[in-house]
Amino acid sequence: MVDVHALATTLDDAVREVRAVPKLTDTAPFDVPAAYAVQRVGIERRRRRGERLTGVKMGFTSRAKMVQMGVDDVIWGLLTDGMLAESSVDVSRLIHPRIEPEIAYLIGREVRSVAEVESAVAGVAVGFEVLDSRYQDFKFTLADVIADNASAARFGYGAWHKPRDLSNAGLLMEIDGRPVQAGSSAAILGDPARSLRAAARLALGAGMKLEPGWIVLAGAATAAVPLPKDAHVRVTGAGLGSVEVTT
């Protein structure tokens, strides 16, 4: 039997101590259901420290990443208010941070079925996610990354706009005024709305509902890049304005 509480404690301590640890599966192999159990225990530890759930983040939303990891479905993690970066990110509190451009959805009412999730969207925005795997060398198996809350660390988003078709919105990420990534929201499962529906499906399957005020990060439109210290990052989305963050 896998001790999910012990595994969650190892990862939680790694976050708080800013210390990389070996892959959990090196010494305690476990499957995907157990990995999600570890993830939930880790989130519950954060909640007991006063954080509250604020949304869902999607991972493996590119076909190339699915093939690389040998999976045929996306993965997901949970967001808390302690992960929200409104204007700055203290990278000294992260192990090896990377940043990627995102499409963010604002949930306007409780989602009780996958069929109603798109109509429940109250707003859309350009956003970013800072990833920070707690594993040494940023290397992990599928089970490891799920247990590690899909590498979630920080996130942010720009001004909210009325829901619209985002199947092919251009995205540009700049660091200190220099373009570092450019892509289209079409890279997110062909249409980020598919990722939104997957978020509802996975949440409901885990006995959760997307709540009013929650954020869904649909997934990366480009590869993540290292996030250095003393940097200014701007992510711009066609028709969505921009969001900025400093380190």
C-alpha atoms as a PDB file:
ATOM      1  CA  MET A   1       0.000   0.000   0.000  1.00  0.00           C
ATOM      2  CA  VAL A   2       1.189   3.488  -0.876  1.00  0.00           C
ATOM      3  CA  ASP A   3       1.291   5.969   2.016  1.00  0.00           C
ATOM      4  CA  VAL A   4      -0.258   8.961   0.239  1.00  0.00           C
ATOM      5  CA  HIS A   5       0.067  11.156   3.330  1.00  0.00           C
ATOM      6  CA  ALA A   6       3.800  10.511   3.577  1.00  0.00           C
ATOM      7  CA  LEU A   7       4.291  11.228  -0.124  1.00  0.00           C
ATOM      8  CA  ALA A   8       2.241  14.421   0.091  1.00  0.00           C
ATOM      9  CA  THR A   9       4.286  15.530   3.091  1.00  0.00           C
ATOM     10  CA  THR A  10       7.521  15.003   1.151  1.00  0.00           C
ATOM     11  CA  LEU A  11       6.298  17.248  -1.676  1.00  0.00           C
ATOM     12  CA  ASP A  12       4.784  19.841   0.650  1.00  0.00           C
ATOM     13  CA  ASP A  13       8.032  20.083   2.584  1.00  0.00           C
ATOM     14  CA  ALA A  14       9.923  20.486  -0.704  1.00  0.00           C
ATOM     15  CA  VAL A  15       7.710  23.452  -1.594  1.00  0.00           C
ATOM     16  CA  ARG A  16       8.093  25.171   1.764  1.00  0.00           C
ATOM     17  CA  GLU A  17      11.827  24.466   2.074  1.00  0.00           C
ATOM     18  CA  VAL A  18      12.533  25.303  -1.606  1.00  0.00           C
ATOM     19  CA  ARG A  19      14.354  22.000  -1.980  1.00  0.00           C
ATOM     20  CA  ALA A  20      14.283  19.562  -4.888  1.00  0.00           C
ATOM     21  CA  VAL A  21      13.652  15.918  -4.062  1.00  0.00           C
ATOM     22  CA  PRO A  22      14.119  12.674  -6.017  1.00  0.00           C
ATOM     23  CA  LYS A  23      11.119  11.337  -7.936  1.00  0.00           C
ATOM     24  CA  LEU A  24       8.700   9.692  -5.530  1.00  0.00           C
ATOM     25  CA  THR A  25       8.338   6.698  -7.844  1.00  0.00           C
ATOM     26  CA  ASP A  26      12.051   5.929  -7.453  1.00  0.00           C
ATOM     27  CA  THR A  27      11.310   4.408  -4.061  1.00  0.00           C
ATOM     28  CA  ALA A  28       7.504   4.046  -3.953  1.00  0.00           C
ATOM     29  CA  PRO A  29       5.957   3.210  -7.337  1.00  0.00           C
ATOM     30  CA  PHE A  30       2.275   4.163  -7.578  1.00  0.00           C
ATOM     31  CA  ASP A  31      -0.411   4.555 -10.212  1.00  0.00           C
ATOM     32  CA  VAL A  32      -2.396   7.549 -11.481  1.00  0.00           C
ATOM     33  CA  PRO A  33      -5.337   7.203  -9.039  1.00  0.00           C
ATOM     34  CA  ALA A  34      -2.870   7.133  -6.146  1.00  0.00           C
ATOM     35  CA  ALA A  35      -1.088  10.144  -7.640  1.00  0.00           C
ATOM     36  CA  TYR A  36      -4.289  12.179  -7.580  1.00  0.00           C
ATOM     37  CA  ALA A  37      -4.853  11.061  -3.989  1.00  0.00           C
ATOM     38  CA  VAL A  38      -1.399  12.427  -3.106  1.00  0.00           C
ATOM     39  CA  GLN A  39      -2.260  15.668  -4.914  1.00  0.00           C
ATOM     40  CA  ARG A  40      -5.491  16.111  -2.970  1.00  0.00           C
ATOM     41  CA  VAL A  41      -3.770  15.490   0.368  1.00  0.00           C
ATOM     42  CA  GLY A  42      -1.135  18.077  -0.544  1.00  0.00           C
ATOM     43  CA  ILE A  43      -3.831  20.627  -1.365  1.00  0.00           C
ATOM     44  CA  GLU A  44      -5.624  19.836   1.873  1.00  0.00           C
ATOM     45  CA  ARG A  45      -2.416  20.606   3.777  1.00  0.00           C
ATOM     46  CA  ARG A  46      -2.358  24.010   2.092  1.00  0.00           C
ATOM     47  CA  ARG A  47      -6.001  24.590   2.968  1.00  0.00           C
ATOM     48  CA  ARG A  48      -5.328  23.824   6.605  1.00  0.00           C
ATOM     49  CA  ARG A  49      -2.692  26.568   6.520  1.00  0.00           C
ATOM     50  CA  GLY A  50      -5.370  29.035   5.414  1.00  0.00           C
ATOM     51  CA  GLU A  51      -5.272  28.878   1.622  1.00  0.00           C
ATOM     52  CA  ARG A  52      -8.505  28.461  -0.324  1.00  0.00           C
ATOM     53  CA  LEU A  53      -9.220  26.794  -3.638  1.00  0.00           C
ATOM     54  CA  THR A  54      -9.509  29.227  -6.533  1.00  0.00           C
ATOM     55  CA  GLY A  55      -9.500  27.032  -9.610  1.00  0.00           C
ATOM     56  CA  VAL A  56      -8.043  24.373 -11.837  1.00  0.00           C
ATOM     57  CA  LYS A  57      -5.002  24.196 -14.098  1.00  0.00           C
ATOM     58  CA  MET A  58      -4.714  21.864 -17.040  1.00  0.00           C
ATOM     59  CA  GLY A  59      -1.575  20.079 -18.155  1.00  0.00           C
ATOM     60  CA  PHE A  60      -0.409  18.022 -21.134  1.00  0.00           C
ATOM     61  CA  THR A  61      -2.751  20.001 -23.388  1.00  0.00           C
ATOM     62  CA  SER A  62      -0.495  19.670 -26.425  1.00  0.00           C
ATOM     63  CA  ARG A  63      -0.519  16.501 -28.504  1.00  0.00           C
ATOM     64  CA  ALA A  64       3.286  16.506 -28.564  1.00  0.00           C
ATOM     65  CA  LYS A  65       3.446  16.454 -24.768  1.00  0.00           C
ATOM     66  CA  MET A  66       0.890  13.631 -24.610  1.00  0.00           C
ATOM     67  CA  VAL A  67       2.987  11.575 -26.990  1.00  0.00           C
ATOM     68  CA  GLN A  68       6.161  12.370 -25.046  1.00  0.00           C
ATOM     69  CA  MET A  69       4.584  11.213 -21.772  1.00  0.00           C
ATOM     70  CA  GLY A  70       2.781   8.246 -23.339  1.00  0.00           C
ATOM     71  CA  VAL A  71      -0.711   9.377 -22.344  1.00  0.00           C
ATOM     72  CA  ASP A  72      -3.956   9.961 -24.214  1.00  0.00           C
ATOM     73  CA  ASP A  73      -5.604  12.430 -21.858  1.00  0.00           C
ATOM     74  CA  VAL A  74      -4.817  15.700 -20.127  1.00  0.00           C
ATOM     75  CA  ILE A  75      -3.892  15.977 -16.469  1.00  0.00           C
ATOM     76  CA  TRP A  76      -5.025  18.587 -13.989  1.00  0.00           C
ATOM     77  CA  GLY A  77      -4.033  20.286 -10.786  1.00  0.00           C
ATOM     78  CA  LEU A  78      -5.653  22.666  -8.330  1.00  0.00           C
ATOM     79  CA  LEU A  79      -5.028  26.378  -7.794  1.00  0.00           C
ATOM     80  CA  THR A  80      -5.167  28.239  -4.488  1.00  0.00           C
ATOM     81  CA  ASP A  81      -5.138  31.922  -3.624  1.00  0.00           C
ATOM     82  CA  GLY A  82      -1.635  31.391  -2.258  1.00  0.00           C
ATOM     83  CA  MET A  83      -0.456  30.742  -5.820  1.00  0.00           C
ATOM     84  CA  LEU A  84      -1.894  33.962  -7.286  1.00  0.00           C
ATOM     85  CA  ALA A  85       0.762  36.429  -8.427  1.00  0.00           C
ATOM     86  CA  GLU A  86      -0.941  39.787  -8.893  1.00  0.00           C
ATOM     87  CA  SER A  87       2.149  41.754  -9.915  1.00  0.00           C
ATOM     88  CA  SER A  88       5.303  39.942  -8.843  1.00  0.00           C
ATOM     89  CA  VAL A  89       6.825  36.504  -8.259  1.00  0.00           C
ATOM     90  CA  ASP A  90       9.549  35.903  -5.686  1.00  0.00           C
ATOM     91  CA  VAL A  91      11.644  33.374  -7.586  1.00  0.00           C
ATOM     92  CA  SER A  92      13.855  32.861  -4.529  1.00  0.00           C
ATOM     93  CA  ARG A  93      10.925  30.850  -3.128  1.00  0.00           C
ATOM     94  CA  LEU A  94      10.901  28.540  -6.139  1.00  0.00           C
ATOM     95  CA  ILE A  95      13.270  25.740  -7.106  1.00  0.00           C
ATOM     96  CA  HIS A  96      13.586  26.055 -10.892  1.00  0.00           C
ATOM     97  CA  PRO A  97      10.712  28.229 -12.128  1.00  0.00           C
ATOM     98  CA  ARG A  98       9.506  28.320 -15.708  1.00  0.00           C
ATOM     99  CA  ILE A  99       6.771  30.500 -17.182  1.00  0.00           C
ATOM    100  CA  GLU A 100       4.301  29.934 -20.014  1.00  0.00           C
ATOM    101  CA  PRO A 101       1.462  31.914 -21.634  1.00  0.00           C
ATOM    102  CA  GLU A 102      -2.082  30.788 -20.889  1.00  0.00           C
ATOM    103  CA  ILE A 103      -5.731  31.325 -21.696  1.00  0.00           C
ATOM    104  CA  ALA A 104      -7.765  31.823 -18.498  1.00  0.00           C
ATOM    105  CA  TYR A 105     -11.504  31.282 -18.020  1.00  0.00           C
ATOM    106  CA  LEU A 106     -13.555  32.800 -15.201  1.00  0.00           C
ATOM    107  CA  ILE A 107     -16.375  30.559 -13.980  1.00  0.00           C
ATOM    108  CA  GLY A 108     -19.567  32.524 -13.313  1.00  0.00           C
ATOM    109  CA  ARG A 109     -21.773  29.859 -11.774  1.00  0.00           C
ATOM    110  CA  GLU A 110     -21.507  26.351 -10.390  1.00  0.00           C
ATOM    111  CA  VAL A 111     -20.860  23.775 -13.083  1.00  0.00           C
ATOM    112  CA  ARG A 112     -22.860  20.587 -12.604  1.00  0.00           C
ATOM    113  CA  SER A 113     -22.170  18.963 -15.979  1.00  0.00           C
ATOM    114  CA  VAL A 114     -19.655  19.123 -18.805  1.00  0.00           C
ATOM    115  CA  ALA A 115     -22.405  20.235 -21.182  1.00  0.00           C
ATOM    116  CA  GLU A 116     -22.994  23.464 -19.273  1.00  0.00           C
ATOM    117  CA  VAL A 117     -19.420  24.541 -18.610  1.00  0.00           C
ATOM    118  CA  GLU A 118     -19.047  26.833 -21.623  1.00  0.00           C
ATOM    119  CA  SER A 119     -22.278  28.664 -20.833  1.00  0.00           C
ATOM    120  CA  ALA A 120     -21.038  29.084 -17.239  1.00  0.00           C
ATOM    121  CA  VAL A 121     -18.008  31.115 -18.353  1.00  0.00           C
ATOM    122  CA  ALA A 122     -18.290  34.737 -17.210  1.00  0.00           C
ATOM    123  CA  GLY A 123     -15.057  36.002 -18.738  1.00  0.00           C
ATOM    124  CA  VAL A 124     -11.864  35.175 -20.598  1.00  0.00           C
ATOM    125  CA  ALA A 125      -8.383  36.631 -20.215  1.00  0.00           C
ATOM    126  CA  VAL A 126      -4.776  36.228 -21.201  1.00  0.00           C
ATOM    127  CA  GLY A 127      -2.745  34.740 -18.381  1.00  0.00           C
ATOM    128  CA  PHE A 128       0.473  33.060 -17.356  1.00  0.00           C
ATOM    129  CA  GLU A 129       1.488  30.108 -15.246  1.00  0.00           C
ATOM    130  CA  VAL A 130       4.753  29.658 -13.408  1.00  0.00           C
ATOM    131  CA  LEU A 131       5.694  26.004 -13.210  1.00  0.00           C
ATOM    132  CA  ASP A 132       8.063  24.644 -10.583  1.00  0.00           C
ATOM    133  CA  SER A 133       8.462  20.896 -10.425  1.00  0.00           C
ATOM    134  CA  ARG A 134       9.635  19.869  -6.992  1.00  0.00           C
ATOM    135  CA  TYR A 135      11.718  17.076  -8.500  1.00  0.00           C
ATOM    136  CA  GLN A 136      15.429  17.119  -9.123  1.00  0.00           C
ATOM    137  CA  ASP A 137      16.378  18.203 -12.662  1.00  0.00           C
ATOM    138  CA  PHE A 138      12.691  18.821 -13.508  1.00  0.00           C
ATOM    139  CA  LYS A 139      12.385  15.118 -14.396  1.00  0.00           C
ATOM    140  CA  PHE A 140       9.375  12.994 -13.507  1.00  0.00           C
ATOM    141  CA  THR A 141       7.007  10.239 -14.530  1.00  0.00           C
ATOM    142  CA  LEU A 142       3.304  10.763 -15.181  1.00  0.00           C
ATOM    143  CA  ALA A 143       2.398   9.682 -11.651  1.00  0.00           C
ATOM    144  CA  ASP A 144       5.083  11.915 -10.142  1.00  0.00           C
ATOM    145  CA  VAL A 145       3.919  15.086 -11.881  1.00  0.00           C
ATOM    146  CA  ILE A 146       0.268  14.486 -11.010  1.00  0.00           C
ATOM    147  CA  ALA A 147       1.192  13.955  -7.355  1.00  0.00           C
ATOM    148  CA  ASP A 148       3.150  17.215  -7.536  1.00  0.00           C
ATOM    149  CA  ASN A 149      -0.054  19.087  -8.446  1.00  0.00           C
ATOM    150  CA  ALA A 150       0.945  19.186 -12.117  1.00  0.00           C
ATOM    151  CA  SER A 151       3.949  21.394 -11.247  1.00  0.00           C
ATOM    152  CA  ALA A 152       1.691  24.325 -10.258  1.00  0.00           C
ATOM    153  CA  ALA A 153       3.494  27.183  -8.518  1.00  0.00           C
ATOM    154  CA  ARG A 154       2.128  30.646  -9.432  1.00  0.00           C
ATOM    155  CA  PHE A 155      -0.352  32.112 -11.889  1.00  0.00           C
ATOM    156  CA  GLY A 156      -1.805  35.424 -12.984  1.00  0.00           C
ATOM    157  CA  TYR A 157      -4.199  36.891 -15.507  1.00  0.00           C
ATOM    158  CA  GLY A 158      -5.096  40.171 -17.167  1.00  0.00           C
ATOM    159  CA  ALA A 159      -8.377  42.041 -17.482  1.00  0.00           C
ATOM    160  CA  TRP A 160     -11.481  39.949 -18.041  1.00  0.00           C
ATOM    161  CA  HIS A 161     -13.301  40.160 -21.371  1.00  0.00           C
ATOM    162  CA  LYS A 162     -16.665  38.878 -22.505  1.00  0.00           C
ATOM    163  CA  PRO A 163     -16.582  35.203 -23.511  1.00  0.00           C
ATOM    164  CA  ARG A 164     -15.616  34.769 -27.153  1.00  0.00           C
ATOM    165  CA  ASP A 165     -14.196  32.299 -29.645  1.00  0.00           C
ATOM    166  CA  LEU A 166     -10.582  31.699 -28.675  1.00  0.00           C
ATOM    167  CA  SER A 167      -9.872  28.810 -31.008  1.00  0.00           C
ATOM    168  CA  ASN A 168      -7.034  30.672 -32.738  1.00  0.00           C
ATOM    169  CA  ALA A 169      -5.923  33.658 -30.650  1.00  0.00           C
ATOM    170  CA  GLY A 170      -2.332  34.780 -31.055  1.00  0.00           C
ATOM    171  CA  LEU A 171      -0.191  34.906 -27.920  1.00  0.00           C
ATOM    172  CA  LEU A 172       3.168  36.579 -27.368  1.00  0.00           C
ATOM    173  CA  MET A 173       5.390  36.349 -24.301  1.00  0.00           C
ATOM    174  CA  GLU A 174       8.220  38.842 -23.751  1.00  0.00           C
ATOM    175  CA  ILE A 175      10.913  38.982 -21.080  1.00  0.00           C
ATOM    176  CA  ASP A 176      12.513  42.392 -20.611  1.00  0.00           C
ATOM    177  CA  GLY A 177      10.994  43.521 -23.895  1.00  0.00           C
ATOM    178  CA  ARG A 178      12.436  40.605 -25.871  1.00  0.00           C
ATOM    179  CA  PRO A 179      10.036  38.105 -27.474  1.00  0.00           C
ATOM    180  CA  VAL A 180      10.735  34.637 -26.074  1.00  0.00           C
ATOM    181  CA  GLN A 181       7.655  32.689 -27.184  1.00  0.00           C
ATOM    182  CA  ALA A 182       4.875  33.213 -29.696  1.00  0.00           C
ATOM    183  CA  GLY A 183       2.037  30.899 -30.571  1.00  0.00           C
ATOM    184  CA  SER A 184      -1.673  30.387 -30.919  1.00  0.00           C
ATOM    185  CA  SER A 185      -4.338  29.218 -28.521  1.00  0.00           C
ATOM    186  CA  ALA A 186      -5.032  26.531 -31.145  1.00  0.00           C
ATOM    187  CA  ALA A 187      -2.034  24.718 -29.652  1.00  0.00           C
ATOM    188  CA  ILE A 188      -4.224  24.004 -26.615  1.00  0.00           C
ATOM    189  CA  LEU A 189      -5.991  20.827 -27.784  1.00  0.00           C
ATOM    190  CA  GLY A 190      -6.879  22.582 -31.046  1.00  0.00           C
ATOM    191  CA  ASP A 191      -9.188  24.913 -29.115  1.00  0.00           C
ATOM    192  CA  PRO A 192      -8.873  25.877 -25.413  1.00  0.00           C
ATOM    193  CA  ALA A 193     -12.619  25.274 -25.046  1.00  0.00           C
ATOM    194  CA  ARG A 194     -11.791  21.562 -25.256  1.00  0.00           C
ATOM    195  CA  SER A 195      -9.485  21.979 -22.285  1.00  0.00           C
ATOM    196  CA  LEU A 196     -12.240  23.817 -20.419  1.00  0.00           C
ATOM    197  CA  ARG A 197     -14.600  20.916 -20.994  1.00  0.00           C
ATOM    198  CA  ALA A 198     -11.919  18.487 -19.865  1.00  0.00           C
ATOM    199  CA  ALA A 199     -11.494  20.505 -16.662  1.00  0.00           C
ATOM    200  CA  ALA A 200     -15.195  20.104 -15.924  1.00  0.00           C
ATOM    201  CA  ARG A 201     -15.082  16.392 -16.750  1.00  0.00           C
ATOM    202  CA  LEU A 202     -12.097  15.673 -14.518  1.00  0.00           C
ATOM    203  CA  ALA A 203     -13.379  17.791 -11.649  1.00  0.00           C
ATOM    204  CA  LEU A 204     -16.800  16.158 -11.710  1.00  0.00           C
ATOM    205  CA  GLY A 205     -15.176  12.742 -11.965  1.00  0.00           C
ATOM    206  CA  ALA A 206     -13.247  13.544  -8.780  1.00  0.00           C
ATOM    207  CA  GLY A 207     -16.418  14.597  -6.974  1.00  0.00           C
ATOM    208  CA  MET A 208     -15.784  18.328  -7.339  1.00  0.00           C
ATOM    209  CA  LYS A 209     -17.672  21.105  -9.119  1.00  0.00           C
ATOM    210  CA  LEU A 210     -16.170  24.169 -10.742  1.00  0.00           C
ATOM    211  CA  GLU A 211     -17.309  26.978  -8.460  1.00  0.00           C
ATOM    212  CA  PRO A 212     -18.349  30.588  -9.153  1.00  0.00           C
ATOM    213  CA  GLY A 213     -15.258  32.805  -9.158  1.00  0.00           C
ATOM    214  CA  TRP A 214     -12.890  29.941  -9.951  1.00  0.00           C
ATOM    215  CA  ILE A 215     -10.262  30.242 -12.659  1.00  0.00           C
ATOM    216  CA  VAL A 216      -9.526  27.560 -15.226  1.00  0.00           C
ATOM    217  CA  LEU A 217      -6.096  27.785 -16.831  1.00  0.00           C
ATOM    218  CA  ALA A 218      -6.597  25.986 -20.126  1.00  0.00           C
ATOM    219  CA  GLY A 219      -2.975  25.046 -20.690  1.00  0.00           C
ATOM    220  CA  ALA A 220       0.132  26.397 -22.358  1.00  0.00           C
ATOM    221  CA  ALA A 221       0.052  27.758 -25.895  1.00  0.00           C
ATOM    222  CA  THR A 222       3.868  27.461 -26.127  1.00  0.00           C
ATOM    223  CA  ALA A 223       6.704  25.727 -24.349  1.00  0.00           C
ATOM    224  CA  ALA A 224       7.622  27.107 -20.920  1.00  0.00           C
ATOM    225  CA  VAL A 225      10.847  29.090 -20.555  1.00  0.00           C
ATOM    226  CA  PRO A 226      13.061  29.626 -17.491  1.00  0.00           C
ATOM    227  CA  LEU A 227      11.945  32.557 -15.329  1.00  0.00           C
ATOM    228  CA  PRO A 228      15.007  34.535 -14.193  1.00  0.00           C
ATOM    229  CA  LYS A 229      15.426  36.888 -11.266  1.00  0.00           C
ATOM    230  CA  ASP A 230      14.959  40.651 -11.803  1.00  0.00           C
ATOM    231  CA  ALA A 231      12.912  40.182 -14.961  1.00  0.00           C
ATOM    232  CA  HIS A 232       9.818  41.806 -16.398  1.00  0.00           C
ATOM    233  CA  VAL A 233       7.431  39.487 -18.230  1.00  0.00           C
ATOM    234  CA  ARG A 234       4.542  40.519 -20.433  1.00  0.00           C
ATOM    235  CA  VAL A 235       2.077  38.148 -22.069  1.00  0.00           C
ATOM    236  CA  THR A 236      -0.166  39.600 -24.762  1.00  0.00           C
ATOM    237  CA  GLY A 237      -3.198  37.923 -26.311  1.00  0.00           C
ATOM    238  CA  ALA A 238      -4.891  39.050 -29.522  1.00  0.00           C
ATOM    239  CA  GLY A 239      -8.024  40.935 -28.490  1.00  0.00           C
ATOM    240  CA  LEU A 240      -7.320  40.210 -24.814  1.00  0.00           C
ATOM    241  CA  GLY A 241      -4.782  42.858 -23.871  1.00  0.00           C
ATOM    242  CA  SER A 242      -1.834  41.843 -21.731  1.00  0.00           C
ATOM    243  CA  VAL A 243      -0.731  40.795 -18.275  1.00  0.00           C
ATOM    244  CA  GLU A 244       2.612  41.692 -16.693  1.00  0.00           C
ATOM    245  CA  VAL A 245       4.650  40.330 -13.824  1.00  0.00           C
ATOM    246  CA  THR A 246       8.080  41.099 -12.378  1.00  0.00           C
ATOM    247  CA  THR A 247      10.520  38.931 -10.458  1.00  0.00           C
END
